[in-house]
Amino acid sequence: MEKYICTICGYVYDPENGDPDSGIEPGTAFEDIPEDWVCPVCGASKQDFEIAE
């Protein structure tokens, strides 16, 4: 699964880790995260993320 990076603060969402503090279980693909999820570091919207190279 691909990692995604926040274009605002640089936080990297890694599907292997998920975002347990926000209720996103490890193994959750970025595409499967709810649309109202926000970056746990800066609060940016899911639309502010892009595939990490």
PDB file of N, CA and C in Angstrom:
ATOM      1  N   MET A   1       0.836  -1.192   0.000  1.00  0.00           N
ATOM      2  CA  MET A   1       0.000   0.000   0.000  1.00  0.00           C
ATOM      3  C   MET A   1       0.874   1.247   0.000  1.00  0.00           C
ATOM      4  N   GLU A   2       0.376   2.271  -0.670  1.00  0.00           N
ATOM      5  CA  GLU A   2       1.143   3.501  -0.803  1.00  0.00           C
ATOM      6  C   GLU A   2       0.995   4.392   0.427  1.00  0.00           C
ATOM      7  N   LYS A   3       2.070   5.133   0.697  1.00  0.00           N
ATOM      8  CA  LYS A   3       2.048   6.127   1.764  1.00  0.00           C
ATOM      9  C   LYS A   3       1.603   7.455   1.161  1.00  0.00           C
ATOM     10  N   TYR A   4       0.970   8.262   1.979  1.00  0.00           N
ATOM     11  CA  TYR A   4       0.507   9.581   1.546  1.00  0.00           C
ATOM     12  C   TYR A   4       1.088  10.633   2.462  1.00  0.00           C
ATOM     13  N   ILE A   5       1.447  11.802   1.883  1.00  0.00           N
ATOM     14  CA  ILE A   5       2.065  12.877   2.654  1.00  0.00           C
ATOM     15  C   ILE A   5       1.164  14.112   2.655  1.00  0.00           C
ATOM     16  N   CYS A   6       1.095  14.756   3.817  1.00  0.00           N
ATOM     17  CA  CYS A   6       0.334  15.993   3.951  1.00  0.00           C
ATOM     18  C   CYS A   6       1.136  17.111   3.297  1.00  0.00           C
ATOM     19  N   THR A   7       0.526  17.804   2.338  1.00  0.00           N
ATOM     20  CA  THR A   7       1.234  18.870   1.634  1.00  0.00           C
ATOM     21  C   THR A   7       1.359  20.131   2.482  1.00  0.00           C
ATOM     22  N   ILE A   8       0.696  20.161   3.627  1.00  0.00           N
ATOM     23  CA  ILE A   8       0.760  21.321   4.508  1.00  0.00           C
ATOM     24  C   ILE A   8       1.916  21.200   5.508  1.00  0.00           C
ATOM     25  N   CYS A   9       2.004  20.044   6.206  1.00  0.00           N
ATOM     26  CA  CYS A   9       3.001  19.914   7.276  1.00  0.00           C
ATOM     27  C   CYS A   9       4.027  18.814   7.059  1.00  0.00           C
ATOM     28  N   GLY A  10       3.798  17.927   6.086  1.00  0.00           N
ATOM     29  CA  GLY A  10       4.762  16.866   5.825  1.00  0.00           C
ATOM     30  C   GLY A  10       4.500  15.558   6.548  1.00  0.00           C
ATOM     31  N   TYR A  11       3.421  15.484   7.345  1.00  0.00           N
ATOM     32  CA  TYR A  11       3.066  14.222   8.012  1.00  0.00           C
ATOM     33  C   TYR A  11       2.849  13.133   6.959  1.00  0.00           C
ATOM     34  N   VAL A  12       3.375  11.949   7.213  1.00  0.00           N
ATOM     35  CA  VAL A  12       3.205  10.832   6.278  1.00  0.00           C
ATOM     36  C   VAL A  12       2.240   9.820   6.876  1.00  0.00           C
ATOM     37  N   TYR A  13       1.152   9.547   6.141  1.00  0.00           N
ATOM     38  CA  TYR A  13       0.223   8.490   6.551  1.00  0.00           C
ATOM     39  C   TYR A  13       0.751   7.181   5.987  1.00  0.00           C
ATOM     40  N   ASP A  14       1.070   6.252   6.874  1.00  0.00           N
ATOM     41  CA  ASP A  14       1.554   4.927   6.490  1.00  0.00           C
ATOM     42  C   ASP A  14       0.445   3.925   6.796  1.00  0.00           C
ATOM     43  N   PRO A  15      -0.124   3.285   5.759  1.00  0.00           N
ATOM     44  CA  PRO A  15      -1.213   2.327   5.984  1.00  0.00           C
ATOM     45  C   PRO A  15      -0.854   1.198   6.943  1.00  0.00           C
ATOM     46  N   GLU A  16       0.415   0.823   7.008  1.00  0.00           N
ATOM     47  CA  GLU A  16       0.822  -0.246   7.920  1.00  0.00           C
ATOM     48  C   GLU A  16       0.604   0.153   9.373  1.00  0.00           C
ATOM     49  N   ASN A  17       0.713   1.447   9.667  1.00  0.00           N
ATOM     50  CA  ASN A  17       0.547   1.950  11.027  1.00  0.00           C
ATOM     51  C   ASN A  17      -0.862   2.453  11.290  1.00  0.00           C
ATOM     52  N   GLY A  18      -1.542   2.922  10.253  1.00  0.00           N
ATOM     53  CA  GLY A  18      -2.848   3.537  10.430  1.00  0.00           C
ATOM     54  C   GLY A  18      -2.726   4.821  11.232  1.00  0.00           C
ATOM     55  N   ASP A  19      -3.804   5.207  11.904  1.00  0.00           N
ATOM     56  CA  ASP A  19      -3.824   6.376  12.786  1.00  0.00           C
ATOM     57  C   ASP A  19      -4.709   6.020  13.974  1.00  0.00           C
ATOM     58  N   PRO A  20      -4.200   5.144  14.864  1.00  0.00           N
ATOM     59  CA  PRO A  20      -5.011   4.641  15.976  1.00  0.00           C
ATOM     60  C   PRO A  20      -5.633   5.732  16.842  1.00  0.00           C
ATOM     61  N   ASP A  21      -4.942   6.860  17.002  1.00  0.00           N
ATOM     62  CA  ASP A  21      -5.483   7.948  17.821  1.00  0.00           C
ATOM     63  C   ASP A  21      -6.761   8.526  17.219  1.00  0.00           C
ATOM     64  N   SER A  22      -6.929   8.350  15.906  1.00  0.00           N
ATOM     65  CA  SER A  22      -8.125   8.844  15.220  1.00  0.00           C
ATOM     66  C   SER A  22      -9.085   7.710  14.860  1.00  0.00           C
ATOM     67  N   GLY A  23      -8.802   6.513  15.364  1.00  0.00           N
ATOM     68  CA  GLY A  23      -9.684   5.380  15.112  1.00  0.00           C
ATOM     69  C   GLY A  23      -9.439   4.679  13.784  1.00  0.00           C
ATOM     70  N   ILE A  24      -8.295   4.960  13.140  1.00  0.00           N
ATOM     71  CA  ILE A  24      -7.956   4.309  11.870  1.00  0.00           C
ATOM     72  C   ILE A  24      -7.030   3.135  12.183  1.00  0.00           C
ATOM     73  N   GLU A  25      -7.519   1.933  11.986  1.00  0.00           N
ATOM     74  CA  GLU A  25      -6.774   0.725  12.325  1.00  0.00           C
ATOM     75  C   GLU A  25      -5.567   0.519  11.406  1.00  0.00           C
ATOM     76  N   PRO A  26      -4.479  -0.087  11.930  1.00  0.00           N
ATOM     77  CA  PRO A  26      -3.357  -0.468  11.071  1.00  0.00           C
ATOM     78  C   PRO A  26      -3.852  -1.348   9.929  1.00  0.00           C
ATOM     79  N   GLY A  27      -3.289  -1.145   8.746  1.00  0.00           N
ATOM     80  CA  GLY A  27      -3.689  -1.908   7.578  1.00  0.00           C
ATOM     81  C   GLY A  27      -4.780  -1.229   6.758  1.00  0.00           C
ATOM     82  N   THR A  28      -5.205  -0.031   7.170  1.00  0.00           N
ATOM     83  CA  THR A  28      -6.257   0.690   6.453  1.00  0.00           C
ATOM     84  C   THR A  28      -5.656   1.501   5.313  1.00  0.00           C
ATOM     85  N   ALA A  29      -6.071   1.200   4.085  1.00  0.00           N
ATOM     86  CA  ALA A  29      -5.601   1.951   2.918  1.00  0.00           C
ATOM     87  C   ALA A  29      -6.101   3.390   3.001  1.00  0.00           C
ATOM     88  N   PHE A  30      -5.316   4.314   2.466  1.00  0.00           N
ATOM     89  CA  PHE A  30      -5.694   5.727   2.498  1.00  0.00           C
ATOM     90  C   PHE A  30      -7.071   5.942   1.870  1.00  0.00           C
ATOM     91  N   GLU A  31      -7.355   5.224   0.794  1.00  0.00           N
ATOM     92  CA  GLU A  31      -8.627   5.364   0.094  1.00  0.00           C
ATOM     93  C   GLU A  31      -9.812   4.966   0.977  1.00  0.00           C
ATOM     94  N   ASP A  32      -9.556   4.133   1.984  1.00  0.00           N
ATOM     95  CA  ASP A  32     -10.620   3.637   2.851  1.00  0.00           C
ATOM     96  C   ASP A  32     -10.842   4.485   4.105  1.00  0.00           C
ATOM     97  N   ILE A  33     -10.025   5.522   4.282  1.00  0.00           N
ATOM     98  CA  ILE A  33     -10.197   6.424   5.421  1.00  0.00           C
ATOM     99  C   ILE A  33     -11.422   7.302   5.145  1.00  0.00           C
ATOM    100  N   PRO A  34     -12.251   7.558   6.162  1.00  0.00           N
ATOM    101  CA  PRO A  34     -13.416   8.429   5.948  1.00  0.00           C
ATOM    102  C   PRO A  34     -13.016   9.808   5.416  1.00  0.00           C
ATOM    103  N   GLU A  35     -13.877  10.405   4.602  1.00  0.00           N
ATOM    104  CA  GLU A  35     -13.581  11.701   3.982  1.00  0.00           C
ATOM    105  C   GLU A  35     -13.425  12.825   5.001  1.00  0.00           C
ATOM    106  N   ASP A  36     -14.006  12.674   6.204  1.00  0.00           N
ATOM    107  CA  ASP A  36     -13.908  13.740   7.201  1.00  0.00           C
ATOM    108  C   ASP A  36     -12.678  13.608   8.099  1.00  0.00           C
ATOM    109  N   TRP A  37     -11.817  12.615   7.825  1.00  0.00           N
ATOM    110  CA  TRP A  37     -10.573  12.455   8.577  1.00  0.00           C
ATOM    111  C   TRP A  37      -9.674  13.653   8.302  1.00  0.00           C
ATOM    112  N   VAL A  38      -8.905  14.067   9.300  1.00  0.00           N
ATOM    113  CA  VAL A  38      -7.963  15.175   9.138  1.00  0.00           C
ATOM    114  C   VAL A  38      -6.569  14.756   9.587  1.00  0.00           C
ATOM    115  N   CYS A  39      -5.573  15.461   9.096  1.00  0.00           N
ATOM    116  CA  CYS A  39      -4.183  15.209   9.477  1.00  0.00           C
ATOM    117  C   CYS A  39      -4.063  15.321  10.995  1.00  0.00           C
ATOM    118  N   PRO A  40      -3.487  14.307  11.648  1.00  0.00           N
ATOM    119  CA  PRO A  40      -3.372  14.342  13.113  1.00  0.00           C
ATOM    120  C   PRO A  40      -2.374  15.375  13.622  1.00  0.00           C
ATOM    121  N   VAL A  41      -1.549  15.930  12.732  1.00  0.00           N
ATOM    122  CA  VAL A  41      -0.551  16.914  13.153  1.00  0.00           C
ATOM    123  C   VAL A  41      -1.072  18.342  12.986  1.00  0.00           C
ATOM    124  N   CYS A  42      -1.608  18.655  11.780  1.00  0.00           N
ATOM    125  CA  CYS A  42      -1.983  20.046  11.503  1.00  0.00           C
ATOM    126  C   CYS A  42      -3.469  20.260  11.242  1.00  0.00           C
ATOM    127  N   GLY A  43      -4.242  19.176  11.134  1.00  0.00           N
ATOM    128  CA  GLY A  43      -5.678  19.325  10.921  1.00  0.00           C
ATOM    129  C   GLY A  43      -6.091  19.537   9.477  1.00  0.00           C
ATOM    130  N   ALA A  44      -5.156  19.372   8.530  1.00  0.00           N
ATOM    131  CA  ALA A  44      -5.488  19.528   7.112  1.00  0.00           C
ATOM    132  C   ALA A  44      -6.453  18.429   6.679  1.00  0.00           C
ATOM    133  N   SER A  45      -7.228  18.707   5.657  1.00  0.00           N
ATOM    134  CA  SER A  45      -8.209  17.733   5.177  1.00  0.00           C
ATOM    135  C   SER A  45      -7.535  16.627   4.370  1.00  0.00           C
ATOM    136  N   LYS A  46      -8.264  15.562   4.180  1.00  0.00           N
ATOM    137  CA  LYS A  46      -7.760  14.419   3.411  1.00  0.00           C
ATOM    138  C   LYS A  46      -7.357  14.845   1.990  1.00  0.00           C
ATOM    139  N   GLN A  47      -8.029  15.864   1.460  1.00  0.00           N
ATOM    140  CA  GLN A  47      -7.730  16.349   0.116  1.00  0.00           C
ATOM    141  C   GLN A  47      -6.359  17.025   0.024  1.00  0.00           C
ATOM    142  N   ASP A  48      -5.779  17.355   1.166  1.00  0.00           N
ATOM    143  CA  ASP A  48      -4.462  18.008   1.186  1.00  0.00           C
ATOM    144  C   ASP A  48      -3.309  16.996   1.201  1.00  0.00           C
ATOM    145  N   PHE A  49      -3.621  15.717   0.983  1.00  0.00           N
ATOM    146  CA  PHE A  49      -2.600  14.673   0.943  1.00  0.00           C
ATOM    147  C   PHE A  49      -2.342  14.242  -0.491  1.00  0.00           C
ATOM    148  N   GLU A  50      -1.093  13.841  -0.759  1.00  0.00           N
ATOM    149  CA  GLU A  50      -0.753  13.274  -2.061  1.00  0.00           C
ATOM    150  C   GLU A  50       0.149  12.066  -1.845  1.00  0.00           C
ATOM    151  N   ILE A  51       0.249  11.236  -2.882  1.00  0.00           N
ATOM    152  CA  ILE A  51       1.078  10.036  -2.786  1.00  0.00           C
ATOM    153  C   ILE A  51       2.522  10.436  -2.516  1.00  0.00           C
ATOM    154  N   ALA A  52       3.127   9.808  -1.524  1.00  0.00           N
ATOM    155  CA  ALA A  52       4.532  10.070  -1.205  1.00  0.00           C
ATOM    156  C   ALA A  52       5.405   9.351  -2.216  1.00  0.00           C
ATOM    157  N   GLU A  53       6.367  10.053  -2.751  1.00  0.00           N
ATOM    158  CA  GLU A  53       7.263   9.477  -3.765  1.00  0.00           C
ATOM    159  C   GLU A  53       8.305   8.587  -3.111  1.00  0.00           C
TER     160      GLU A  53
END
